[in-house]
Amino acid sequence: MSKPCIICVAITGSVPTKKNNPAVPVTIAEQIESTQEAFEAGASIAHCHVRNDDQTPTSDPERFARLMEGLHKHCPGMIVQLSTGGRSGAGHERGGMLPLRPDMASLSVGSNNFPTRVYENSPDLVDWLASEMRTYEVKPEIEAFDLSHIHQAVKMNREGRIAGTLYVQFVMGVKNAMPVDKDVFDYYVKTIQRLAPEAQWCGAGVGPGQILVNEWSIAAGGHTRTGLEDNMRLDRDTLAPSNAALVRRAAALCETYERPVATWQQARKILELRPG
C-alpha cells in the first residue's frame, strides 16, 4: 500500500499531569519543544491543548496564540490543530481560539459519557462551533466517540454546515464510551466509506488501546493519532519518555505495513489545507 499515513500527535490534552508522567509538556515552551521532537520523528499534525500555570486546562486564546507562534517558528509547515474540547471550557469559550485561524480544530458533533461526567455537545453549540470554523476557514477534525457521530458529521457536511471534504477521527477506549473493539472499528471504516467515500479518516486509541488502534488504522489504509494526551506508557511497566517516542512507534508500524509516513506537504495535500 503506497498511500501515505498521516500521524497526528496529541501532545498534552486536558487530563495528564507531570504527576502521571514527567514527560507531559505543560508550559508553552515545553509543548513547543515536545512537538518539535515529534515533528522530526514523523508527526505532521499537532493536536493542541493549553494549560494554566497550575496544570489545569484552559481555552485561553492568548496561550493558544503563543503556542501557535512557537510551532510555526520551530515546526515550519506542520499542521496545527487546536482543541475545542469540553474539558477546557464551556459554551462559546470553547471556540474562543478559532479567530486565530489554525489549520484545523477538533469538533465533536454529539454527546457521550466520559469517565466521570457527560461530555455534552448540544446541537446549538455544535452548529456555532462549525459556523465559526467556516468563518475563519478552519478545517474540522470530527471526533467520533460513537457511531451516531459519524452519521451526524456526514449529514452536516451534506447540508453545508461542515465545509469541504470530511476528516473523521474514530476515538476508542475512553472509559464509558466506545471501547477498543476490532469489530466496531471495522464497522466504523465500512460506514464512513459507504456514507462519505471521499472522506479521510483517522483512528485514535486511548490508554493501552493506542497501539492497537494505531495498527488497525495503518493496516486498513487510514491515518492515526498517538501522543501523551491519550496514553502515557510504552507498556504496562514503562512510561513513554516523550511524544516523539510514541510517534516513532507509530512510524515503525507504517514501515511494517509498507505505508510511507506522510510529510507535512503530503498531509496538507491529502487534507486539502492551504500551503504551510
Protein backbone atom coordinates (compact mmCIF):
# COMPACT_ATOMS: atom_id res chain seq x y z
CA MET A 1 0.00 0.00 0.00
CA SER A 2 1.57 3.26 -1.12
CA LYS A 3 -0.88 5.75 0.45
CA PRO A 4 1.00 7.99 2.91
CA CYS A 5 -0.15 7.74 6.53
CA ILE A 6 -0.67 10.98 8.42
CA ILE A 7 0.48 10.76 12.02
CA CYS A 8 -1.16 13.18 14.43
CA VAL A 9 0.49 13.76 17.79
CA ALA A 10 -1.76 14.80 20.68
CA ILE A 11 0.89 16.39 22.82
CA THR A 12 -0.77 17.39 26.10
CA GLY A 13 -4.53 17.06 26.44
CA SER A 14 -6.54 18.29 29.41
CA VAL A 15 -6.05 15.47 31.89
CA PRO A 16 -2.49 14.08 32.16
CA THR A 17 -0.14 15.88 34.55
CA LYS A 18 3.51 15.60 35.40
CA LYS A 19 2.49 13.51 38.39
CA ASN A 20 1.26 10.90 35.91
CA ASN A 21 4.30 11.20 33.65
CA PRO A 22 7.06 13.83 33.99
CA ALA A 23 7.35 13.92 30.19
CA VAL A 24 3.90 15.52 29.76
CA PRO A 25 4.59 19.00 28.33
CA VAL A 26 2.59 21.64 30.19
CA THR A 27 4.17 25.05 29.69
CA ILE A 28 4.16 26.66 26.26
CA ALA A 29 7.92 26.21 25.99
CA GLU A 30 7.69 22.52 26.89
CA GLN A 31 4.90 21.99 24.38
CA ILE A 32 6.87 23.62 21.58
CA GLU A 33 9.97 21.54 22.35
CA SER A 34 7.99 18.29 22.60
CA THR A 35 6.12 18.99 19.38
CA GLN A 36 9.33 19.78 17.52
CA GLU A 37 10.77 16.40 18.55
CA ALA A 38 7.55 14.67 17.44
CA PHE A 39 7.57 16.59 14.15
CA GLU A 40 11.10 15.45 13.46
CA ALA A 41 10.03 11.87 14.28
CA GLY A 42 7.30 11.93 11.63
CA ALA A 43 4.19 13.65 13.00
CA SER A 44 2.61 16.10 10.57
CA ILE A 45 -0.35 17.24 12.73
CA ALA A 46 -0.06 18.66 16.25
CA HIS A 47 -3.29 18.37 18.24
CA CYS A 48 -3.02 21.07 20.88
CA HIS A 49 -4.49 21.98 24.26
CA VAL A 50 -3.16 24.64 26.63
CA ARG A 51 -2.89 24.69 30.40
CA ASN A 52 -2.88 27.23 33.19
CA ASP A 53 0.22 27.60 35.34
CA ASP A 54 -1.25 25.08 37.83
CA GLN A 55 -1.63 22.48 35.01
CA THR A 56 -5.42 22.84 34.87
CA PRO A 57 -6.93 23.03 31.36
CA THR A 58 -8.00 26.27 29.73
CA SER A 59 -9.19 27.61 26.38
CA ASP A 60 -7.30 30.89 26.81
CA PRO A 61 -6.80 32.32 23.28
CA GLU A 62 -3.67 34.19 24.37
CA ARG A 63 -1.97 30.95 25.38
CA PHE A 64 -3.06 29.29 22.16
CA ALA A 65 -1.64 32.24 20.23
CA ARG A 66 1.75 31.90 21.91
CA LEU A 67 1.77 28.16 21.26
CA MET A 68 0.89 28.65 17.59
CA GLU A 69 3.61 31.26 17.19
CA GLY A 70 6.20 28.86 18.59
CA LEU A 71 5.03 25.94 16.49
CA HIS A 72 5.09 27.98 13.29
CA LYS A 73 8.66 29.03 14.11
CA HIS A 74 10.09 25.68 15.21
CA CYS A 75 7.92 23.25 13.20
CA PRO A 76 7.52 25.06 9.86
CA GLY A 77 4.79 23.52 7.74
CA MET A 78 3.38 21.30 10.48
CA ILE A 79 -0.43 21.30 10.64
CA VAL A 80 -1.63 23.00 13.82
CA GLN A 81 -4.91 21.65 15.15
CA LEU A 82 -6.44 23.33 18.21
CA SER A 83 -8.86 21.62 20.56
CA THR A 84 -12.36 22.92 21.18
CA GLY A 85 -12.92 20.13 23.70
CA GLY A 86 -15.29 20.45 26.62
CA ARG A 87 -12.81 19.79 29.39
CA SER A 88 -11.13 23.14 28.71
CA GLY A 89 -14.13 25.45 28.88
CA ALA A 90 -17.86 25.83 28.44
CA GLY A 91 -20.13 27.24 25.74
CA HIS A 92 -18.65 29.73 23.31
CA GLU A 93 -15.47 29.84 25.40
CA ARG A 94 -14.59 26.53 23.74
CA GLY A 95 -14.27 28.27 20.35
CA GLY A 96 -12.57 31.44 21.51
CA MET A 97 -9.31 30.49 19.79
CA LEU A 98 -10.82 29.94 16.33
CA PRO A 99 -10.24 33.58 15.21
CA LEU A 100 -6.52 32.70 15.39
CA ARG A 101 -7.17 30.73 12.17
CA PRO A 102 -5.34 27.49 12.94
CA ASP A 103 -5.17 24.98 10.10
CA MET A 104 -7.60 22.68 11.89
CA ALA A 105 -9.66 22.34 15.06
CA SER A 106 -11.36 19.40 16.71
CA LEU A 107 -15.15 19.23 16.51
CA SER A 108 -17.30 16.81 18.48
CA VAL A 109 -20.74 16.64 16.87
CA GLY A 110 -22.58 14.78 19.64
CA SER A 111 -22.55 13.96 23.33
CA ASN A 112 -21.39 10.83 25.15
CA ASN A 113 -20.24 9.64 28.55
CA PHE A 114 -16.73 10.24 29.84
CA PRO A 115 -15.21 8.54 32.92
CA THR A 116 -16.92 10.79 35.49
CA ARG A 117 -19.16 13.12 33.50
CA VAL A 118 -21.26 13.64 30.42
CA TYR A 119 -19.28 15.13 27.55
CA GLU A 120 -22.01 17.49 26.44
CA ASN A 121 -22.11 18.85 22.91
CA SER A 122 -25.54 20.38 22.35
CA PRO A 123 -26.78 20.83 18.76
CA ASP A 124 -26.71 24.62 19.15
CA LEU A 125 -23.09 24.62 20.35
CA VAL A 126 -22.01 22.20 17.62
CA ASP A 127 -23.62 24.40 14.97
CA TRP A 128 -21.97 27.51 16.40
CA LEU A 129 -18.51 25.91 16.50
CA ALA A 130 -18.94 24.62 12.95
CA SER A 131 -20.06 28.10 11.82
CA GLU A 132 -17.00 29.71 13.41
CA MET A 133 -14.77 27.19 11.64
CA ARG A 134 -16.36 28.08 8.32
CA THR A 135 -15.98 31.81 9.05
CA TYR A 136 -12.28 31.52 9.85
CA GLU A 137 -11.52 28.80 7.26
CA VAL A 138 -10.54 26.23 9.87
CA LYS A 139 -10.91 22.60 8.80
CA PRO A 140 -12.75 20.50 11.38
CA GLU A 141 -11.41 17.20 12.57
CA ILE A 142 -14.57 15.32 13.54
CA GLU A 143 -14.00 13.42 16.78
CA ALA A 144 -16.37 10.45 16.62
CA PHE A 145 -16.87 8.83 20.01
CA ASP A 146 -19.92 6.93 18.77
CA LEU A 147 -21.38 5.61 15.53
CA SER A 148 -24.07 8.30 15.56
CA HIS A 149 -21.35 10.96 15.40
CA ILE A 150 -20.24 9.64 12.00
CA HIS A 151 -23.77 9.84 10.69
CA GLN A 152 -24.22 13.35 12.10
CA ALA A 153 -20.97 14.59 10.58
CA VAL A 154 -21.98 13.26 7.16
CA LYS A 155 -25.39 14.94 7.48
CA MET A 156 -23.83 18.29 8.47
CA ASN A 157 -21.38 18.03 5.58
CA ARG A 158 -24.16 17.36 3.05
CA GLU A 159 -26.09 20.35 4.40
CA GLY A 160 -23.05 22.63 4.13
CA ARG A 161 -22.69 23.12 7.88
CA ILE A 162 -19.29 21.41 7.70
CA ALA A 163 -17.33 22.64 4.72
CA GLY A 164 -15.05 20.68 2.43
CA THR A 165 -14.10 17.03 2.47
CA LEU A 166 -14.72 15.33 5.80
CA TYR A 167 -11.88 14.26 8.09
CA VAL A 168 -13.25 11.90 10.74
CA GLN A 169 -11.34 10.50 13.69
CA PHE A 170 -12.61 7.39 15.46
CA VAL A 171 -11.91 7.75 19.20
CA MET A 172 -11.89 4.44 21.02
CA GLY A 173 -11.01 3.46 24.58
CA VAL A 174 -12.45 6.34 26.60
CA LYS A 175 -13.98 4.80 29.72
CA ASN A 176 -17.81 4.66 29.46
CA ALA A 177 -17.68 5.47 25.75
CA MET A 178 -16.76 3.23 22.80
CA PRO A 179 -14.25 0.54 23.79
CA VAL A 180 -11.32 -0.60 21.69
CA ASP A 181 -13.12 -3.27 19.68
CA LYS A 182 -11.95 -4.51 16.29
CA ASP A 183 -15.43 -5.38 15.02
CA VAL A 184 -16.65 -1.88 15.88
CA PHE A 185 -13.57 -0.34 14.28
CA ASP A 186 -14.15 -2.31 11.09
CA TYR A 187 -17.77 -1.18 11.02
CA TYR A 188 -16.73 2.45 11.52
CA VAL A 189 -14.45 2.16 8.49
CA LYS A 190 -17.20 0.48 6.47
CA THR A 191 -19.68 3.18 7.49
CA ILE A 192 -17.51 6.16 6.57
CA GLN A 193 -16.57 4.53 3.25
CA ARG A 194 -20.24 3.89 2.49
CA LEU A 195 -21.63 7.27 3.54
CA ALA A 196 -18.73 9.52 2.51
CA PRO A 197 -16.35 7.59 0.24
CA GLU A 198 -14.27 10.70 -0.45
CA ALA A 199 -13.65 11.33 3.27
CA GLN A 200 -10.34 10.80 5.02
CA TRP A 201 -10.35 9.03 8.38
CA CYS A 202 -8.08 8.51 11.35
CA GLY A 203 -8.02 6.17 14.34
CA ALA A 204 -7.17 7.17 17.92
CA GLY A 205 -6.96 4.73 20.82
CA VAL A 206 -6.77 5.68 24.48
CA GLY A 207 -4.51 4.01 27.05
CA PRO A 208 -3.29 0.52 26.20
CA GLY A 209 -5.60 0.58 23.19
CA GLN A 210 -3.47 3.23 21.49
CA ILE A 211 -1.05 0.82 19.85
CA LEU A 212 -3.90 -1.46 18.74
CA VAL A 213 -5.84 1.32 17.04
CA ASN A 214 -2.59 2.64 15.54
CA GLU A 215 -2.00 -0.75 13.94
CA TRP A 216 -5.61 -1.28 12.82
CA SER A 217 -5.70 2.16 11.20
CA ILE A 218 -2.38 1.82 9.41
CA ALA A 219 -3.20 -1.69 8.18
CA ALA A 220 -6.61 -0.55 6.89
CA GLY A 221 -5.24 2.40 4.91
CA GLY A 222 -6.27 5.20 7.28
CA HIS A 223 -4.36 7.74 9.30
CA THR A 224 -3.62 7.57 13.01
CA ARG A 225 -3.10 9.55 16.21
CA THR A 226 -0.71 8.99 19.06
CA GLY A 227 0.74 11.07 21.89
CA LEU A 228 0.81 11.60 25.63
CA GLU A 229 -2.70 13.06 25.75
CA ASP A 230 -4.13 9.62 25.04
CA ASN A 231 -1.56 7.29 26.52
CA MET A 232 1.41 7.80 28.84
CA ARG A 233 3.04 4.37 28.57
CA LEU A 234 5.03 2.27 26.14
CA ASP A 235 3.85 -0.81 28.03
CA ARG A 236 2.43 -1.72 31.43
CA ASP A 237 5.75 -1.15 33.17
CA THR A 238 7.34 1.64 31.12
CA LEU A 239 6.35 5.30 30.92
CA ALA A 240 6.71 6.86 27.49
CA PRO A 241 9.77 9.13 27.62
CA SER A 242 8.33 11.63 25.12
CA ASN A 243 5.71 12.28 22.49
CA ALA A 244 8.39 11.55 19.92
CA ALA A 245 8.81 8.02 21.26
CA LEU A 246 5.12 7.32 20.63
CA VAL A 247 5.35 8.85 17.14
CA ARG A 248 8.35 6.64 16.36
CA ARG A 249 6.33 3.61 17.46
CA ALA A 250 3.54 4.52 15.02
CA ALA A 251 6.07 5.21 12.27
CA ALA A 252 7.55 1.74 12.79
CA LEU A 253 4.11 0.25 12.21
CA CYS A 254 3.90 2.22 8.96
CA GLU A 255 7.12 0.55 7.88
CA THR A 256 5.75 -2.87 8.84
CA TYR A 257 2.71 -2.33 6.65
CA GLU A 258 4.72 -0.68 3.87
CA ARG A 259 2.99 2.68 4.34
CA PRO A 260 5.14 5.78 3.89
CA VAL A 261 4.81 8.30 6.72
CA ALA A 262 3.21 11.42 5.25
CA THR A 263 5.33 14.54 5.12
CA TRP A 264 3.66 17.77 6.14
CA GLN A 265 3.43 18.69 2.47
CA GLN A 266 1.66 15.42 1.66
CA ALA A 267 -0.61 15.75 4.70
CA ARG A 268 -1.71 19.24 3.66
CA LYS A 269 -2.49 17.99 0.15
CA ILE A 270 -4.42 14.96 1.42
CA LEU A 271 -6.48 17.10 3.80
CA GLU A 272 -6.95 19.90 1.25
CA LEU A 273 -5.36 22.52 3.50
CA ARG A 274 -3.71 25.77 2.50
CA PRO A 275 0.07 25.54 1.92
CA GLY A 276 2.19 25.89 5.05
